[in-house]
Amino acid sequence: MAPRLVILDRDGVINEDSAEFIKSPEEWRALPGSMEALGRLHAAGRTVAVASNQSGVGRGLL
């Protein structure tokens, strides 16, 4: 049986990683094909969750 829950990292998996830390929606850039892949997972009945370790939160950048 295929897993029903898929947990993905954000930076470098769904979107382009940035050494400057992504601080706004305008700075966020999806990796080519990532949105389509998320759509295929959803269409296949998978629940998708995004997990991310955002060090900028602890540093007060957000």
C-alpha atoms as a PDB file:
ATOM      1  CA  MET A   1       0.000   0.000   0.000  1.00  0.00           C
ATOM      2  CA  ALA A   2       1.345   3.445  -0.913  1.00  0.00           C
ATOM      3  CA  PRO A   3       1.733   5.979   1.901  1.00  0.00           C
ATOM      4  CA  ARG A   4      -1.207   8.346   2.317  1.00  0.00           C
ATOM      5  CA  LEU A   5       0.842  11.096   3.969  1.00  0.00           C
ATOM      6  CA  VAL A   6       3.860  12.614   2.234  1.00  0.00           C
ATOM      7  CA  ILE A   7       6.007  15.038   4.247  1.00  0.00           C
ATOM      8  CA  LEU A   8       8.371  17.206   2.213  1.00  0.00           C
ATOM      9  CA  ASP A   9      11.041  19.703   3.154  1.00  0.00           C
ATOM     10  CA  ARG A  10      10.477  23.160   1.704  1.00  0.00           C
ATOM     11  CA  ASP A  11      13.808  24.787   0.772  1.00  0.00           C
ATOM     12  CA  GLY A  12      15.551  22.968  -2.064  1.00  0.00           C
ATOM     13  CA  VAL A  13      12.690  20.479  -2.527  1.00  0.00           C
ATOM     14  CA  ILE A  14       9.647  22.613  -3.353  1.00  0.00           C
ATOM     15  CA  ASN A  15      11.280  26.004  -3.771  1.00  0.00           C
ATOM     16  CA  GLU A  16      14.698  27.432  -4.575  1.00  0.00           C
ATOM     17  CA  ASP A  17      16.921  27.631  -1.521  1.00  0.00           C
ATOM     18  CA  SER A  18      18.377  31.023  -0.630  1.00  0.00           C
ATOM     19  CA  ALA A  19      21.479  31.864   1.406  1.00  0.00           C
ATOM     20  CA  GLU A  20      19.772  35.172   2.252  1.00  0.00           C
ATOM     21  CA  PHE A  21      16.727  33.470   3.859  1.00  0.00           C
ATOM     22  CA  ILE A  22      13.297  33.897   2.279  1.00  0.00           C
ATOM     23  CA  LYS A  23      11.563  36.688   4.206  1.00  0.00           C
ATOM     24  CA  SER A  24       8.510  37.414   2.048  1.00  0.00           C
ATOM     25  CA  PRO A  25       6.207  35.682  -0.451  1.00  0.00           C
ATOM     26  CA  GLU A  26       7.761  37.808  -3.221  1.00  0.00           C
ATOM     27  CA  GLU A  27      11.160  36.159  -2.590  1.00  0.00           C
ATOM     28  CA  TRP A  28       9.740  32.615  -2.834  1.00  0.00           C
ATOM     29  CA  ARG A  29      10.398  30.801  -6.146  1.00  0.00           C
ATOM     30  CA  ALA A  30       9.043  27.318  -6.875  1.00  0.00           C
ATOM     31  CA  LEU A  31      11.465  24.787  -8.340  1.00  0.00           C
ATOM     32  CA  PRO A  32      10.559  23.741 -11.887  1.00  0.00           C
ATOM     33  CA  GLY A  33       7.991  20.947 -11.769  1.00  0.00           C
ATOM     34  CA  SER A  34       7.445  21.093  -8.017  1.00  0.00           C
ATOM     35  CA  MET A  35       3.922  22.520  -8.150  1.00  0.00           C
ATOM     36  CA  GLU A  36       2.924  19.953 -10.761  1.00  0.00           C
ATOM     37  CA  ALA A  37       4.360  17.164  -8.590  1.00  0.00           C
ATOM     38  CA  LEU A  38       2.355  18.393  -5.593  1.00  0.00           C
ATOM     39  CA  GLY A  39      -0.757  18.388  -7.784  1.00  0.00           C
ATOM     40  CA  ARG A  40      -0.080  14.802  -8.881  1.00  0.00           C
ATOM     41  CA  LEU A  41       0.352  13.694  -5.266  1.00  0.00           C
ATOM     42  CA  HIS A  42      -2.951  15.354  -4.362  1.00  0.00           C
ATOM     43  CA  ALA A  43      -4.711  13.807  -7.370  1.00  0.00           C
ATOM     44  CA  ALA A  44      -3.403  10.397  -6.267  1.00  0.00           C
ATOM     45  CA  GLY A  45      -5.135  10.848  -2.921  1.00  0.00           C
ATOM     46  CA  ARG A  46      -2.045  11.705  -0.905  1.00  0.00           C
ATOM     47  CA  THR A  47      -2.046  14.249   1.898  1.00  0.00           C
ATOM     48  CA  VAL A  48       0.984  16.509   1.544  1.00  0.00           C
ATOM     49  CA  ALA A  49       2.594  18.275   4.493  1.00  0.00           C
ATOM     50  CA  VAL A  50       5.565  20.629   4.403  1.00  0.00           C
ATOM     51  CA  ALA A  51       8.137  20.561   7.194  1.00  0.00           C
ATOM     52  CA  SER A  52      10.871  23.146   7.377  1.00  0.00           C
ATOM     53  CA  ASN A  53      13.537  24.223   9.813  1.00  0.00           C
ATOM     54  CA  GLN A  54      13.444  28.018   9.532  1.00  0.00           C
ATOM     55  CA  SER A  55      16.399  29.406  11.470  1.00  0.00           C
ATOM     56  CA  GLY A  56      15.293  32.941  10.567  1.00  0.00           C
ATOM     57  CA  VAL A  57      12.369  32.609  12.978  1.00  0.00           C
ATOM     58  CA  GLY A  58      14.725  32.065  15.905  1.00  0.00           C
ATOM     59  CA  ARG A  59      16.924  34.937  14.728  1.00  0.00           C
ATOM     60  CA  GLY A  60      13.968  37.331  14.596  1.00  0.00           C
ATOM     61  CA  LEU A  61      14.069  37.800  10.815  1.00  0.00           C
ATOM     62  CA  LEU A  62      10.354  37.022  10.461  1.00  0.00           C
END
